[in-house]
Amino acid sequence: MIRYALVLVFSLAFSATAFAQERMGTIPAEKMTDGQKKAVADFTAARGSVTGPWSVLVRSPELMGRVRGLSDYVRFNSAMVSSVRVVGALSARGQGWPQSGDRQVDRRRPPAARHGGG
């Protein structure tokens, strides 16, 4: 019985990982279209290597260019003062947000105390 359980555990553990494929892996340079090559070259010249979500956006060179333009605008040309952009970036990274224990404590406080009123 134990033998069958071990066989079942190992087969389930290794079958899923052994045959798993990356859903949207990096496209090799030799398989890229001319538009994709140009988008990668433009991105690399502006920002360095193509990593993270940008490697997925290579599949649509037009979209990649538009998203990069929007990202550049928000980062460098936004009407927000730089200190507000820094606070936004830190907040997006998770710094400055209450931890789960803080939220639990906050729920136990009366609503007026949560919002600074008495």
Protein backbone atom coordinates (compact mmCIF):
# COMPACT_ATOMS: atom_id res chain seq x y z
CA MET A 1 0.00 0.00 0.00
CA ILE A 2 2.80 2.41 0.89
CA ARG A 3 4.51 1.56 -2.38
CA TYR A 4 1.44 2.60 -4.35
CA ALA A 5 1.14 5.82 -2.37
CA LEU A 6 4.78 6.69 -3.08
CA VAL A 7 4.37 5.94 -6.77
CA LEU A 8 1.28 8.14 -6.89
CA VAL A 9 3.00 11.01 -5.07
CA PHE A 10 6.10 10.91 -7.26
CA SER A 11 4.13 10.59 -10.48
CA LEU A 12 1.95 13.58 -9.59
CA ALA A 13 4.91 15.65 -8.40
CA PHE A 14 7.12 15.07 -11.41
CA SER A 15 4.61 14.78 -14.23
CA ALA A 16 3.35 18.35 -13.92
CA THR A 17 6.79 19.94 -13.62
CA ALA A 18 8.59 17.70 -16.09
CA PHE A 19 6.26 18.52 -18.96
CA ALA A 20 5.36 22.07 -18.02
CA GLN A 21 6.04 24.62 -20.70
CA GLU A 22 6.59 28.31 -20.43
CA ARG A 23 3.41 29.87 -21.75
CA MET A 24 4.96 32.92 -23.38
CA GLY A 25 8.69 32.43 -23.38
CA THR A 26 11.23 34.74 -24.96
CA ILE A 27 11.22 34.66 -28.74
CA PRO A 28 14.63 33.71 -30.16
CA ALA A 29 16.15 36.45 -32.35
CA GLU A 30 16.14 34.22 -35.44
CA LYS A 31 12.37 33.70 -35.14
CA MET A 32 11.49 37.40 -34.69
CA THR A 33 9.84 39.38 -37.45
CA ASP A 34 11.44 42.58 -38.70
CA GLY A 35 8.97 44.62 -36.64
CA GLN A 36 9.80 42.67 -33.49
CA LYS A 37 13.54 43.11 -34.09
CA LYS A 38 13.08 46.85 -34.54
CA ALA A 39 10.95 47.10 -31.37
CA VAL A 40 13.58 45.20 -29.36
CA ALA A 41 16.38 47.37 -30.77
CA ASP A 42 14.47 50.57 -29.92
CA PHE A 43 13.67 49.33 -26.42
CA THR A 44 17.24 48.17 -25.78
CA ALA A 45 18.62 51.53 -26.90
CA ALA A 46 16.24 53.39 -24.57
CA ARG A 47 16.12 51.14 -21.50
CA GLY A 48 18.54 48.25 -21.72
CA SER A 49 17.63 44.57 -21.89
CA VAL A 50 14.09 43.38 -22.51
CA THR A 51 12.87 41.69 -19.33
CA GLY A 52 9.66 41.03 -17.43
CA PRO A 53 6.42 42.04 -19.11
CA TRP A 54 8.33 43.69 -21.93
CA SER A 55 9.46 40.28 -23.21
CA VAL A 56 5.80 39.35 -23.65
CA LEU A 57 5.00 42.65 -25.37
CA VAL A 58 7.58 41.83 -28.05
CA ARG A 59 4.86 39.69 -29.62
CA SER A 60 3.05 42.90 -30.57
CA PRO A 61 5.69 45.47 -31.59
CA GLU A 62 3.13 48.26 -32.05
CA LEU A 63 1.65 47.70 -28.60
CA MET A 64 5.13 47.50 -27.08
CA GLY A 65 6.02 50.88 -28.55
CA ARG A 66 2.80 52.47 -27.35
CA VAL A 67 3.10 51.04 -23.82
CA ARG A 68 6.72 52.18 -23.63
CA GLY A 69 5.65 55.66 -24.70
CA LEU A 70 2.96 55.75 -22.02
CA SER A 71 5.39 54.43 -19.43
CA ASP A 72 7.99 57.06 -20.37
CA TYR A 73 5.37 59.80 -20.17
CA VAL A 74 4.17 58.73 -16.73
CA ARG A 75 7.73 58.35 -15.43
CA PHE A 76 9.34 61.47 -16.88
CA ASN A 77 6.81 63.97 -18.26
CA SER A 78 3.87 63.69 -15.94
CA ALA A 79 2.37 66.84 -14.45
CA MET A 80 2.87 65.37 -10.98
CA VAL A 81 5.80 66.71 -9.03
CA SER A 82 8.63 64.23 -8.61
CA SER A 83 8.00 63.78 -4.87
CA VAL A 84 4.45 62.59 -5.59
CA ARG A 85 5.77 60.17 -8.24
CA VAL A 86 8.25 58.80 -5.69
CA VAL A 87 5.48 58.25 -3.14
CA GLY A 88 3.43 56.50 -5.81
CA ALA A 89 6.34 54.28 -6.76
CA LEU A 90 7.02 53.37 -3.14
CA SER A 91 3.35 52.64 -2.58
CA ALA A 92 3.23 50.43 -5.65
CA ARG A 93 6.23 48.50 -4.30
CA GLY A 94 4.36 47.88 -1.08
CA GLN A 95 6.27 50.22 1.18
CA GLY A 96 4.19 52.42 3.40
CA TRP A 97 1.10 50.22 3.26
CA PRO A 98 -0.22 48.80 6.52
CA GLN A 99 0.69 45.20 7.18
CA SER A 100 -2.02 42.61 7.64
CA GLY A 101 -1.81 42.88 11.44
CA ASP A 102 -2.24 46.65 11.21
CA ARG A 103 -5.42 46.23 9.17
CA GLN A 104 -6.82 43.79 11.71
CA VAL A 105 -6.14 46.20 14.55
CA ASP A 106 -7.58 49.04 12.46
CA ARG A 107 -10.87 47.14 11.98
CA ARG A 108 -11.31 46.86 15.73
CA ARG A 109 -11.06 50.61 16.23
CA PRO A 110 -14.22 52.69 16.00
CA PRO A 111 -14.81 54.18 12.53
CA ALA A 112 -14.24 57.74 13.77
CA ALA A 113 -10.81 56.77 15.13
CA ARG A 114 -9.83 55.13 11.84
CA HIS A 115 -10.25 58.36 9.94
CA GLY A 116 -8.61 60.65 12.44
CA GLY A 117 -11.76 61.88 14.10
CA GLY A 118 -11.63 61.26 17.85
